[in-house]
Amino acid sequence: MDIKEIQKYLPHRYPFLMVDRVTEFESHKRIVAIKNVSINEPLFLGHFPVQPVFPGVLIVEALAQAAGILAFKSLDRTPEDGSAYYLAGTDKTKFRRAVFPGDQLKLEVEIVRLRNQWMKAVGRATVDGELVCSTTLTCAEQEVG
């Protein structure tokens, strides 16, 4: 799935779109996506100028966005249908190592439970096969507009 298709399933846009490509998708099961971390991202102006580090909260956000694509595509819906998935909670979140410009985050999300209005999923982010972050995500669907 390229960026144009990703934008059909996510309402996010620059500078907050955190999924660059989807490499695997199994409906109602799992998704594997990529986030390329670039020094050109505006957040690195302040986080941190001497030693740029990609914020952990944005790693969780990238996993949540991958989960949103998984939910919308699995249910054959898009944000244009008048709803969005919001991150409602995280549990058991752990960070194992820092992420730096030049790293490529591999985002793996697996559905634990998917209902009409909410989803629970397990997410893992890795760089070069090394675990960076793991978390359990709860996402809630709400009408927008």
C-alpha atoms as a PDB file:
ATOM      1  CA  MET A   1       0.000   0.000   0.000  1.00  0.00           C
ATOM      2  CA  ASP A   2       1.555   3.312  -1.053  1.00  0.00           C
ATOM      3  CA  ILE A   3       1.087   6.753   0.486  1.00  0.00           C
ATOM      4  CA  LYS A   4      -1.919   7.646  -1.679  1.00  0.00           C
ATOM      5  CA  GLU A   5      -3.840   4.594  -0.477  1.00  0.00           C
ATOM      6  CA  ILE A   6      -2.713   5.180   3.118  1.00  0.00           C
ATOM      7  CA  GLN A   7      -4.207   8.684   2.923  1.00  0.00           C
ATOM      8  CA  LYS A   8      -7.574   7.143   2.015  1.00  0.00           C
ATOM      9  CA  TYR A   9      -7.640   5.381   5.407  1.00  0.00           C
ATOM     10  CA  LEU A  10      -6.076   8.043   7.652  1.00  0.00           C
ATOM     11  CA  PRO A  11      -7.197  11.647   8.180  1.00  0.00           C
ATOM     12  CA  HIS A  12      -3.635  12.636   9.214  1.00  0.00           C
ATOM     13  CA  ARG A  13      -1.457  14.779   6.955  1.00  0.00           C
ATOM     14  CA  TYR A  14       1.987  16.374   7.120  1.00  0.00           C
ATOM     15  CA  PRO A  15       3.581  16.843   9.569  1.00  0.00           C
ATOM     16  CA  PHE A  16       1.612  14.273  11.572  1.00  0.00           C
ATOM     17  CA  LEU A  17       1.221  11.383   9.131  1.00  0.00           C
ATOM     18  CA  MET A  18       3.457   8.673  10.610  1.00  0.00           C
ATOM     19  CA  VAL A  19       2.970   5.774   8.161  1.00  0.00           C
ATOM     20  CA  ASP A  20       4.948   5.869   4.918  1.00  0.00           C
ATOM     21  CA  ARG A  21       4.136   2.439   3.478  1.00  0.00           C
ATOM     22  CA  VAL A  22       2.194  -0.716   4.296  1.00  0.00           C
ATOM     23  CA  THR A  23       4.081  -3.884   3.394  1.00  0.00           C
ATOM     24  CA  GLU A  24       1.675  -6.531   4.731  1.00  0.00           C
ATOM     25  CA  PHE A  25      -2.042  -6.581   5.438  1.00  0.00           C
ATOM     26  CA  GLU A  26      -4.300  -9.411   6.621  1.00  0.00           C
ATOM     27  CA  SER A  27      -7.895  -8.276   7.029  1.00  0.00           C
ATOM     28  CA  HIS A  28      -9.177  -8.487  10.623  1.00  0.00           C
ATOM     29  CA  LYS A  29      -5.749  -9.808  11.719  1.00  0.00           C
ATOM     30  CA  ARG A  30      -2.590  -7.766  11.246  1.00  0.00           C
ATOM     31  CA  ILE A  31      -0.688  -5.055   9.438  1.00  0.00           C
ATOM     32  CA  VAL A  32       3.000  -4.330   8.904  1.00  0.00           C
ATOM     33  CA  ALA A  33       3.937  -0.760   8.020  1.00  0.00           C
ATOM     34  CA  ILE A  34       7.028   1.409   7.691  1.00  0.00           C
ATOM     35  CA  LYS A  35       7.864   4.823   9.175  1.00  0.00           C
ATOM     36  CA  ASN A  36      11.055   6.356   7.794  1.00  0.00           C
ATOM     37  CA  VAL A  37      12.616   8.651  10.382  1.00  0.00           C
ATOM     38  CA  SER A  38      14.222  11.665   8.657  1.00  0.00           C
ATOM     39  CA  ILE A  39      16.339  14.450  10.105  1.00  0.00           C
ATOM     40  CA  ASN A  40      14.151  16.790   8.000  1.00  0.00           C
ATOM     41  CA  GLU A  41      11.176  16.305  10.336  1.00  0.00           C
ATOM     42  CA  PRO A  42      10.393  19.587  12.141  1.00  0.00           C
ATOM     43  CA  LEU A  43      10.328  17.942  15.586  1.00  0.00           C
ATOM     44  CA  PHE A  44      14.108  17.446  15.495  1.00  0.00           C
ATOM     45  CA  LEU A  45      14.634  21.215  15.750  1.00  0.00           C
ATOM     46  CA  GLY A  46      13.832  20.898  19.450  1.00  0.00           C
ATOM     47  CA  HIS A  47      14.102  17.167  20.286  1.00  0.00           C
ATOM     48  CA  PHE A  48      17.088  17.413  20.691  1.00  0.00           C
ATOM     49  CA  PRO A  49      19.322  19.705  18.592  1.00  0.00           C
ATOM     50  CA  VAL A  50      22.599  18.144  19.793  1.00  0.00           C
ATOM     51  CA  GLN A  51      21.405  14.510  19.808  1.00  0.00           C
ATOM     52  CA  PRO A  52      18.179  14.139  17.786  1.00  0.00           C
ATOM     53  CA  VAL A  53      15.880  11.431  19.196  1.00  0.00           C
ATOM     54  CA  PHE A  54      12.482  10.452  17.788  1.00  0.00           C
ATOM     55  CA  PRO A  55       9.980  10.848  20.679  1.00  0.00           C
ATOM     56  CA  GLY A  56       8.541   7.654  22.154  1.00  0.00           C
ATOM     57  CA  VAL A  57       5.054   9.125  22.133  1.00  0.00           C
ATOM     58  CA  LEU A  58       5.330   9.439  18.330  1.00  0.00           C
ATOM     59  CA  ILE A  59       6.369   5.789  18.051  1.00  0.00           C
ATOM     60  CA  VAL A  60       3.131   4.912  19.858  1.00  0.00           C
ATOM     61  CA  GLU A  61       1.260   7.316  17.549  1.00  0.00           C
ATOM     62  CA  ALA A  62       2.762   5.602  14.493  1.00  0.00           C
ATOM     63  CA  LEU A  63       1.575   2.231  15.833  1.00  0.00           C
ATOM     64  CA  ALA A  64      -1.883   3.725  16.484  1.00  0.00           C
ATOM     65  CA  GLN A  65      -2.055   5.074  12.929  1.00  0.00           C
ATOM     66  CA  ALA A  66      -1.138   1.643  11.556  1.00  0.00           C
ATOM     67  CA  ALA A  67      -3.914   0.224  13.761  1.00  0.00           C
ATOM     68  CA  GLY A  68      -6.337   2.778  12.298  1.00  0.00           C
ATOM     69  CA  ILE A  69      -5.512   1.668   8.759  1.00  0.00           C
ATOM     70  CA  LEU A  70      -5.982  -1.961   9.819  1.00  0.00           C
ATOM     71  CA  ALA A  71      -9.387  -1.256  11.379  1.00  0.00           C
ATOM     72  CA  PHE A  72     -10.744   0.922   8.575  1.00  0.00           C
ATOM     73  CA  LYS A  73      -9.578  -1.378   5.782  1.00  0.00           C
ATOM     74  CA  SER A  74     -10.783  -4.508   7.625  1.00  0.00           C
ATOM     75  CA  LEU A  75     -14.245  -2.977   8.054  1.00  0.00           C
ATOM     76  CA  ASP A  76     -14.243  -1.612   4.483  1.00  0.00           C
ATOM     77  CA  ARG A  77     -14.663   1.982   5.679  1.00  0.00           C
ATOM     78  CA  THR A  78     -12.719   5.241   5.363  1.00  0.00           C
ATOM     79  CA  PRO A  79     -12.727   8.548   7.244  1.00  0.00           C
ATOM     80  CA  GLU A  80     -14.823   9.930   4.358  1.00  0.00           C
ATOM     81  CA  ASP A  81     -17.673   7.800   5.751  1.00  0.00           C
ATOM     82  CA  GLY A  82     -17.813  10.266   8.657  1.00  0.00           C
ATOM     83  CA  SER A  83     -15.817   8.644  11.438  1.00  0.00           C
ATOM     84  CA  ALA A  84     -12.286   8.416  12.795  1.00  0.00           C
ATOM     85  CA  TYR A  85     -10.436   6.092  15.144  1.00  0.00           C
ATOM     86  CA  TYR A  86      -8.977   7.836  18.160  1.00  0.00           C
ATOM     87  CA  LEU A  87      -6.331   6.446  20.462  1.00  0.00           C
ATOM     88  CA  ALA A  88      -8.271   5.825  23.670  1.00  0.00           C
ATOM     89  CA  GLY A  89      -5.579   4.151  25.748  1.00  0.00           C
ATOM     90  CA  THR A  90      -2.305   2.300  25.945  1.00  0.00           C
ATOM     91  CA  ASP A  91      -1.267  -0.448  28.312  1.00  0.00           C
ATOM     92  CA  LYS A  92       2.000  -2.209  29.014  1.00  0.00           C
ATOM     93  CA  THR A  93       3.967   0.293  26.911  1.00  0.00           C
ATOM     94  CA  LYS A  94       7.715  -0.261  27.052  1.00  0.00           C
ATOM     95  CA  PHE A  95      10.561   1.443  25.222  1.00  0.00           C
ATOM     96  CA  ARG A  96      13.714  -0.602  24.677  1.00  0.00           C
ATOM     97  CA  ARG A  97      16.000   1.785  22.803  1.00  0.00           C
ATOM     98  CA  ALA A  98      16.090   5.236  21.243  1.00  0.00           C
ATOM     99  CA  VAL A  99      15.187   5.876  17.607  1.00  0.00           C
ATOM    100  CA  PHE A 100      17.362   8.257  15.591  1.00  0.00           C
ATOM    101  CA  PRO A 101      17.178  10.006  12.213  1.00  0.00           C
ATOM    102  CA  GLY A 102      18.023   7.502   9.502  1.00  0.00           C
ATOM    103  CA  ASP A 103      16.271   4.644  11.301  1.00  0.00           C
ATOM    104  CA  GLN A 104      13.384   2.834   9.647  1.00  0.00           C
ATOM    105  CA  LEU A 105      10.637   1.826  12.063  1.00  0.00           C
ATOM    106  CA  LYS A 106       8.847  -1.401  11.227  1.00  0.00           C
ATOM    107  CA  LEU A 107       5.370  -1.155  12.747  1.00  0.00           C
ATOM    108  CA  GLU A 108       3.563  -4.435  13.428  1.00  0.00           C
ATOM    109  CA  VAL A 109       0.011  -4.369  14.772  1.00  0.00           C
ATOM    110  CA  GLU A 110      -2.137  -7.405  15.493  1.00  0.00           C
ATOM    111  CA  ILE A 111      -5.825  -7.207  16.370  1.00  0.00           C
ATOM    112  CA  VAL A 112      -6.845  -8.721  19.689  1.00  0.00           C
ATOM    113  CA  ARG A 113     -10.509  -7.667  19.344  1.00  0.00           C
ATOM    114  CA  LEU A 114     -12.299  -5.586  16.711  1.00  0.00           C
ATOM    115  CA  ARG A 115     -15.859  -4.390  17.206  1.00  0.00           C
ATOM    116  CA  ASN A 116     -17.905  -1.765  15.382  1.00  0.00           C
ATOM    117  CA  GLN A 117     -16.934   1.094  17.700  1.00  0.00           C
ATOM    118  CA  TRP A 118     -13.587   0.040  19.184  1.00  0.00           C
ATOM    119  CA  MET A 119     -10.516  -2.083  18.758  1.00  0.00           C
ATOM    120  CA  LYS A 120      -7.864  -3.567  20.998  1.00  0.00           C
ATOM    121  CA  ALA A 121      -4.543  -4.393  19.346  1.00  0.00           C
ATOM    122  CA  VAL A 122      -0.973  -5.297  20.226  1.00  0.00           C
ATOM    123  CA  GLY A 123       1.747  -3.207  18.605  1.00  0.00           C
ATOM    124  CA  ARG A 124       5.479  -3.679  18.191  1.00  0.00           C
ATOM    125  CA  ALA A 125       7.977  -1.287  16.625  1.00  0.00           C
ATOM    126  CA  THR A 126      11.405  -2.527  15.576  1.00  0.00           C
ATOM    127  CA  VAL A 127      14.505  -1.092  13.917  1.00  0.00           C
ATOM    128  CA  ASP A 128      16.684  -3.575  12.035  1.00  0.00           C
ATOM    129  CA  GLY A 129      14.936  -6.435  13.847  1.00  0.00           C
ATOM    130  CA  GLU A 130      15.596  -4.949  17.305  1.00  0.00           C
ATOM    131  CA  LEU A 131      12.550  -4.250  19.484  1.00  0.00           C
ATOM    132  CA  VAL A 132      12.140  -0.528  20.114  1.00  0.00           C
ATOM    133  CA  CYS A 133       8.628  -0.332  21.598  1.00  0.00           C
ATOM    134  CA  SER A 134       5.786  -2.657  22.533  1.00  0.00           C
ATOM    135  CA  THR A 135       2.307  -1.646  23.622  1.00  0.00           C
ATOM    136  CA  THR A 136      -1.341  -2.623  23.775  1.00  0.00           C
ATOM    137  CA  LEU A 137      -3.569  -0.068  22.045  1.00  0.00           C
ATOM    138  CA  THR A 138      -7.236   0.677  22.567  1.00  0.00           C
ATOM    139  CA  CYS A 139      -8.809   2.693  19.767  1.00  0.00           C
ATOM    140  CA  ALA A 140     -12.361   4.052  19.698  1.00  0.00           C
ATOM    141  CA  GLU A 141     -14.306   5.012  16.590  1.00  0.00           C
ATOM    142  CA  GLN A 142     -16.299   8.237  16.731  1.00  0.00           C
ATOM    143  CA  GLU A 143     -18.302  10.253  14.262  1.00  0.00           C
ATOM    144  CA  VAL A 144     -16.658  13.424  13.003  1.00  0.00           C
ATOM    145  CA  GLY A 145     -17.901  16.420  11.131  1.00  0.00           C
END
